[in-house]
Amino acid sequence: MMSRNSSPCLDIVIVNYNSTDELLACLSSIDRHGMEQATTITIVDNASHDNVDRVSQRYPSVGLVKNDHNAGFARAVNDGLSRGTADFVMIMNPDTLVTPRFFRHMVDFMTENPHVGILGPRVLNEDGSTQGSARSFPTLSTLLFGRTSLLTRLFPQSSLSIKSVPTLSSDGVSPMEVEWISGACMLVRRCAVNTVGMLDERFFVYWEDVDWCRRMRESGWRVVYYPQASIIHRIGASSETNIMRSLLTFHISFFRYCEKYSRMPLIITAPLVCTGLALRLMAATGVEMMRRLLVAGRRGDKR
């Protein structure tokens, strides 16, 4: 693993939950494509049961914090943030793989652009296609034309799709100021965190990144999508183990986001939001059940 000194310019924080195989691959990619500047890495593990101690055995210089229960993503990230001192903090999912000069590109851009509080790279699927990691704050249109919605898949170049997912209009080179960046991978300026505060721990997982970017922008910091740096992300390595629970948690967190930022009294918005989310959750659950039936049918055909 990479060398250290007493004044690292970059801290890396990775939250792990039953994704240790993917985490080891991530650390291997960091080791292969590490930056010249000193780096500290902290893994905060949320009570995984897939032998996370393998991390210490293979990479003894990596800091491993083992929680005795699943404390949630936001709280675990905050724990990792509090253990570092570097000017910049890279928050990464364990199911990511870095590419050559990734850290150098990200840190150089942040150093040259002091008004940027959060920087997000181009996030790639395993097949090389681009994920919609830069997005707009949720509205009715963005919910209908979201990153994974049917309408966006059918009409990816529509104005509503591009408004919801700005990465669809990216030229793959130019930096873009956006409203929020996916927490799967983001580089954060520590002095911006000191100004705005850490992640809101009321979000157990999901929507904490949207909230953080919103608070950054409201405090005058820019949030930028930077496609010249890229990272590979295998979506949902930890959530695939219980997709139904993930769907429920996603919708609960979105309700908390709406509750936090609604301009109307909660007594008016809560019934509307709850009804809409309940319908969306039922639809998403139905889609997931159909997907599982199709997968089971294909497996049966192969026997």
Protein backbone atom coordinates (compact mmCIF):
# COMPACT_ATOMS: atom_id res chain seq x y z
CA MET A 1 0.00 0.00 0.00
CA MET A 2 1.06 3.58 -0.50
CA SER A 3 3.52 5.36 1.72
CA ARG A 4 2.53 7.92 4.34
CA ASN A 5 3.98 10.88 6.08
CA SER A 6 2.78 13.15 8.88
CA SER A 7 1.00 15.59 6.54
CA PRO A 8 -1.04 13.72 3.92
CA CYS A 9 -2.88 15.79 1.32
CA LEU A 10 -5.61 13.20 0.89
CA ASP A 11 -7.63 10.97 3.20
CA ILE A 12 -9.67 8.11 1.72
CA VAL A 13 -12.77 6.95 3.60
CA ILE A 14 -14.60 3.76 2.57
CA VAL A 15 -17.66 2.39 4.36
CA ASN A 16 -18.03 -1.37 4.12
CA TYR A 17 -21.03 -3.59 4.78
CA ASN A 18 -20.73 -7.21 3.69
CA SER A 19 -18.77 -6.21 0.58
CA THR A 20 -15.29 -7.27 1.64
CA ASP A 21 -14.53 -9.12 -1.60
CA GLU A 22 -15.29 -5.94 -3.57
CA LEU A 23 -13.41 -3.86 -0.99
CA LEU A 24 -10.24 -5.90 -1.45
CA ALA A 25 -10.46 -5.39 -5.21
CA CYS A 26 -10.93 -1.66 -4.61
CA LEU A 27 -7.85 -1.47 -2.38
CA SER A 28 -5.87 -3.41 -4.95
CA SER A 29 -6.81 -0.87 -7.63
CA ILE A 30 -5.80 1.99 -5.29
CA ASP A 31 -2.49 0.27 -4.72
CA ARG A 32 -1.89 -0.14 -8.47
CA HIS A 33 -2.93 3.37 -9.45
CA GLY A 34 -1.93 5.27 -6.32
CA MET A 35 -0.90 8.89 -6.39
CA GLU A 36 2.56 10.20 -5.61
CA GLN A 37 1.29 12.27 -2.70
CA ALA A 38 0.93 10.60 0.67
CA THR A 39 -2.43 8.99 1.34
CA THR A 40 -4.17 7.62 4.40
CA ILE A 41 -7.00 5.11 4.03
CA THR A 42 -9.68 4.43 6.65
CA ILE A 43 -12.19 1.61 6.32
CA VAL A 44 -15.24 1.89 8.57
CA ASP A 45 -16.97 -1.48 8.69
CA ASN A 46 -20.62 -1.68 9.74
CA ALA A 47 -20.54 -5.10 11.43
CA SER A 48 -19.97 -7.17 8.28
CA HIS A 49 -20.01 -10.95 8.58
CA ASP A 50 -17.82 -11.76 5.57
CA ASN A 51 -14.43 -11.74 7.35
CA VAL A 52 -13.45 -8.08 7.02
CA ASP A 53 -10.24 -8.88 8.91
CA ARG A 54 -8.85 -9.95 5.54
CA VAL A 55 -8.27 -6.24 4.93
CA SER A 56 -5.78 -5.95 7.79
CA GLN A 57 -4.11 -9.20 6.80
CA ARG A 58 -3.51 -8.04 3.24
CA TYR A 59 -3.09 -4.28 3.83
CA PRO A 60 -1.77 -3.72 7.37
CA SER A 61 -1.20 0.01 6.77
CA VAL A 62 -4.92 0.60 6.14
CA GLY A 63 -6.90 1.77 9.15
CA LEU A 64 -9.81 -0.56 9.93
CA VAL A 65 -12.59 0.59 12.26
CA LYS A 66 -15.01 -2.20 13.17
CA ASN A 67 -18.44 -1.21 14.43
CA ASP A 68 -20.34 -3.72 16.54
CA HIS A 69 -23.58 -2.90 14.68
CA ASN A 70 -24.68 -1.37 11.40
CA ALA A 71 -24.43 2.32 12.23
CA GLY A 72 -25.53 3.45 8.77
CA PHE A 73 -23.60 5.05 5.93
CA ALA A 74 -23.72 8.68 7.07
CA ARG A 75 -22.54 7.97 10.62
CA ALA A 76 -19.78 5.69 9.37
CA VAL A 77 -18.52 8.32 6.90
CA ASN A 78 -18.51 10.92 9.67
CA ASP A 79 -16.46 8.57 11.82
CA GLY A 80 -13.92 8.22 9.02
CA LEU A 81 -13.88 11.98 8.39
CA SER A 82 -13.17 12.70 12.04
CA ARG A 83 -10.09 10.45 11.98
CA GLY A 84 -8.26 12.38 9.25
CA THR A 85 -6.57 15.75 8.88
CA ALA A 86 -5.85 16.03 5.15
CA ASP A 87 -7.04 18.99 3.07
CA PHE A 88 -9.13 16.69 0.87
CA VAL A 89 -11.21 13.60 1.62
CA MET A 90 -12.11 11.00 -1.00
CA ILE A 91 -15.31 9.15 -0.08
CA MET A 92 -15.64 5.92 -2.07
CA ASN A 93 -17.87 2.89 -2.14
CA PRO A 94 -16.16 -0.47 -1.64
CA ASP A 95 -17.47 -1.64 -5.02
CA THR A 96 -15.42 0.90 -6.98
CA LEU A 97 -12.20 0.53 -8.95
CA VAL A 98 -9.91 3.48 -9.63
CA THR A 99 -8.26 4.12 -12.97
CA PRO A 100 -4.72 5.42 -13.68
CA ARG A 101 -3.98 8.94 -12.40
CA PHE A 102 -7.48 9.15 -10.91
CA PHE A 103 -6.39 10.72 -7.61
CA ARG A 104 -3.94 13.07 -9.31
CA HIS A 105 -6.61 14.42 -11.68
CA MET A 106 -9.11 14.94 -8.84
CA VAL A 107 -6.72 16.58 -6.37
CA ASP A 108 -5.14 18.82 -9.01
CA PHE A 109 -8.55 20.13 -10.09
CA MET A 110 -9.58 20.86 -6.49
CA THR A 111 -6.26 22.59 -5.80
CA GLU A 112 -6.69 24.82 -8.86
CA ASN A 113 -10.36 25.60 -8.08
CA PRO A 114 -10.60 26.70 -4.45
CA HIS A 115 -14.33 27.52 -4.60
CA VAL A 116 -15.29 23.89 -5.31
CA GLY A 117 -16.49 22.09 -2.19
CA ILE A 118 -17.38 18.73 -3.74
CA LEU A 119 -15.99 17.18 -6.92
CA GLY A 120 -17.43 14.10 -8.59
CA PRO A 121 -15.69 12.01 -11.28
CA ARG A 122 -17.22 10.28 -14.26
CA VAL A 123 -18.59 7.02 -12.89
CA LEU A 124 -18.49 4.08 -15.26
CA ASN A 125 -20.37 0.80 -15.35
CA GLU A 126 -18.32 -2.35 -15.75
CA ASP A 127 -19.09 -2.33 -19.49
CA GLY A 128 -17.61 1.17 -19.84
CA SER A 129 -20.91 3.05 -20.13
CA THR A 130 -21.42 6.17 -18.03
CA GLN A 131 -23.61 6.21 -14.94
CA GLY A 132 -25.78 9.22 -14.17
CA SER A 133 -23.77 10.25 -11.13
CA ALA A 134 -24.41 14.01 -11.48
CA ARG A 135 -28.04 14.99 -10.98
CA SER A 136 -30.52 17.74 -10.20
CA PHE A 137 -32.36 18.18 -6.93
CA PRO A 138 -35.61 16.17 -6.87
CA THR A 139 -38.76 17.69 -8.34
CA LEU A 140 -41.81 16.07 -9.88
CA SER A 141 -40.12 16.05 -13.29
CA THR A 142 -36.86 14.59 -11.94
CA LEU A 143 -38.79 11.83 -10.19
CA LEU A 144 -40.46 10.95 -13.50
CA PHE A 145 -37.24 11.33 -15.49
CA GLY A 146 -34.78 10.00 -12.92
CA ARG A 147 -31.56 8.13 -13.64
CA THR A 148 -33.19 4.68 -13.69
CA SER A 149 -36.73 5.63 -14.69
CA LEU A 150 -38.45 4.09 -17.70
CA LEU A 151 -39.02 7.51 -19.27
CA THR A 152 -35.32 8.37 -19.15
CA ARG A 153 -34.44 5.01 -20.67
CA LEU A 154 -36.95 5.59 -23.47
CA PHE A 155 -36.08 9.27 -24.03
CA PRO A 156 -32.49 9.78 -22.80
CA GLN A 157 -31.98 12.97 -24.85
CA SER A 158 -35.22 14.68 -23.85
CA SER A 159 -34.87 18.05 -22.12
CA LEU A 160 -36.43 16.66 -18.93
CA SER A 161 -34.05 13.68 -18.86
CA ILE A 162 -31.02 15.93 -19.36
CA LYS A 163 -32.27 18.36 -16.71
CA SER A 164 -32.63 15.48 -14.25
CA VAL A 165 -29.35 13.75 -15.19
CA PRO A 166 -26.86 16.35 -16.49
CA THR A 167 -24.27 13.68 -17.28
CA LEU A 168 -26.41 12.83 -20.33
CA SER A 169 -25.32 16.12 -21.92
CA SER A 170 -21.66 15.95 -20.86
CA ASP A 171 -19.01 16.05 -23.59
CA GLY A 172 -16.85 13.74 -21.47
CA VAL A 173 -14.17 16.41 -20.99
CA SER A 174 -15.49 19.72 -19.68
CA PRO A 175 -16.21 20.24 -15.96
CA MET A 176 -19.89 20.95 -15.21
CA GLU A 177 -21.35 22.69 -12.18
CA VAL A 178 -24.26 20.53 -11.02
CA GLU A 179 -26.67 20.38 -8.10
CA TRP A 180 -25.53 17.13 -6.55
CA ILE A 181 -23.00 14.33 -6.94
CA SER A 182 -23.49 10.68 -6.04
CA GLY A 183 -21.90 9.61 -2.76
CA ALA A 184 -20.55 6.50 -4.49
CA CYS A 185 -17.44 8.61 -5.12
CA MET A 186 -16.81 12.23 -4.26
CA LEU A 187 -13.82 14.34 -3.33
CA VAL A 188 -14.63 16.79 -0.54
CA ARG A 189 -12.69 19.83 0.63
CA ARG A 190 -12.16 19.57 4.39
CA CYS A 191 -12.50 23.30 5.02
CA ALA A 192 -15.89 23.14 3.28
CA VAL A 193 -16.91 20.34 5.65
CA ASN A 194 -15.73 22.46 8.58
CA THR A 195 -18.01 25.25 7.33
CA VAL A 196 -21.09 23.22 6.40
CA GLY A 197 -20.86 20.30 8.80
CA MET A 198 -20.65 16.56 8.29
CA LEU A 199 -23.29 14.27 6.81
CA ASP A 200 -26.71 14.41 8.44
CA GLU A 201 -26.93 11.17 10.40
CA ARG A 202 -30.74 11.18 10.27
CA PHE A 203 -30.21 9.64 6.82
CA PHE A 204 -29.25 6.04 7.59
CA VAL A 205 -28.33 5.48 3.96
CA TYR A 206 -29.45 7.16 0.69
CA TRP A 207 -30.15 10.88 0.12
CA GLU A 208 -27.43 11.96 2.55
CA ASP A 209 -25.30 12.93 -0.47
CA VAL A 210 -28.11 15.06 -1.93
CA ASP A 211 -28.57 16.81 1.41
CA TRP A 212 -24.83 17.44 1.77
CA CYS A 213 -24.49 18.92 -1.73
CA ARG A 214 -27.50 21.11 -1.13
CA ARG A 215 -26.01 22.44 2.10
CA MET A 216 -22.69 23.03 0.33
CA ARG A 217 -24.34 25.05 -2.43
CA GLU A 218 -26.43 27.06 0.04
CA SER A 219 -23.19 27.96 1.83
CA GLY A 220 -21.57 29.21 -1.37
CA TRP A 221 -19.48 26.17 -2.32
CA ARG A 222 -19.61 24.82 -5.87
CA VAL A 223 -20.46 21.20 -6.68
CA VAL A 224 -18.76 20.07 -9.88
CA TYR A 225 -18.85 17.02 -12.14
CA TYR A 226 -15.38 16.35 -13.58
CA PRO A 227 -15.45 13.71 -16.36
CA GLN A 228 -11.70 13.78 -17.05
CA ALA A 229 -11.25 11.60 -13.95
CA SER A 230 -13.11 8.29 -14.03
CA ILE A 231 -13.86 5.43 -11.66
CA ILE A 232 -15.62 2.11 -12.22
CA HIS A 233 -18.61 1.34 -10.00
CA ARG A 234 -20.39 -1.98 -9.66
CA ILE A 235 -23.76 -0.74 -8.42
CA GLY A 236 -25.28 -2.24 -5.30
CA ALA A 237 -22.73 -4.80 -4.19
CA SER A 238 -23.82 -4.42 -0.56
CA SER A 239 -27.51 -3.72 -1.19
CA GLU A 240 -28.02 -6.73 -3.49
CA THR A 241 -28.02 -8.99 -0.43
CA ASN A 242 -31.40 -7.53 0.62
CA ILE A 243 -32.87 -5.51 -2.21
CA MET A 244 -36.30 -5.20 -0.59
CA ARG A 245 -34.85 -3.66 2.56
CA SER A 246 -32.79 -1.32 0.38
CA LEU A 247 -35.91 -0.16 -1.46
CA LEU A 248 -37.71 0.53 1.82
CA THR A 249 -34.74 2.41 3.27
CA PHE A 250 -34.41 4.46 0.08
CA HIS A 251 -38.01 5.66 0.34
CA ILE A 252 -37.80 6.36 4.06
CA SER A 253 -34.71 8.51 3.49
CA PHE A 254 -36.42 10.38 0.69
CA PHE A 255 -39.33 11.17 3.02
CA ARG A 256 -36.84 12.60 5.51
CA TYR A 257 -35.30 14.69 2.75
CA CYS A 258 -38.73 16.07 1.78
CA GLU A 259 -39.53 16.70 5.44
CA LYS A 260 -36.29 18.66 5.86
CA TYR A 261 -36.67 20.91 2.82
CA SER A 262 -40.41 21.27 2.30
CA ARG A 263 -41.53 24.90 2.25
CA MET A 264 -45.10 23.96 3.16
CA PRO A 265 -46.26 22.77 6.60
CA LEU A 266 -45.60 19.09 7.19
CA ILE A 267 -49.27 18.47 7.95
CA ILE A 268 -49.99 19.33 4.30
CA THR A 269 -47.02 17.73 2.56
CA ALA A 270 -46.67 14.53 4.62
CA PRO A 271 -49.86 12.81 3.36
CA LEU A 272 -49.04 13.68 -0.26
CA VAL A 273 -45.42 12.58 0.00
CA CYS A 274 -46.29 9.38 1.88
CA THR A 275 -48.94 8.45 -0.69
CA GLY A 276 -46.60 9.09 -3.60
CA LEU A 277 -43.74 7.18 -1.99
CA ALA A 278 -46.02 4.25 -1.11
CA LEU A 279 -47.13 4.00 -4.74
CA ARG A 280 -43.55 4.27 -5.96
CA LEU A 281 -42.38 1.64 -3.49
CA MET A 282 -45.12 -0.77 -4.58
CA ALA A 283 -44.18 -0.22 -8.23
CA ALA A 284 -40.47 -0.74 -7.53
CA THR A 285 -41.23 -3.86 -5.51
CA GLY A 286 -43.35 -5.22 -8.34
CA VAL A 287 -40.57 -4.59 -10.85
CA GLU A 288 -38.06 -6.32 -8.58
CA MET A 289 -40.33 -9.36 -8.16
CA MET A 290 -40.74 -9.60 -11.93
CA ARG A 291 -36.97 -9.38 -12.35
CA ARG A 292 -36.44 -12.22 -9.89
CA LEU A 293 -39.04 -14.36 -11.62
CA LEU A 294 -37.35 -13.79 -14.98
CA VAL A 295 -33.93 -14.64 -13.53
CA ALA A 296 -35.33 -17.79 -11.90
CA GLY A 297 -36.97 -18.77 -15.20
CA ARG A 298 -33.73 -18.36 -17.13
CA ARG A 299 -31.87 -20.48 -14.58
CA GLY A 300 -34.52 -23.16 -14.92
CA ASP A 301 -34.20 -23.15 -18.71
CA LYS A 302 -30.46 -23.79 -18.43
CA ARG A 303 -30.90 -26.93 -16.36
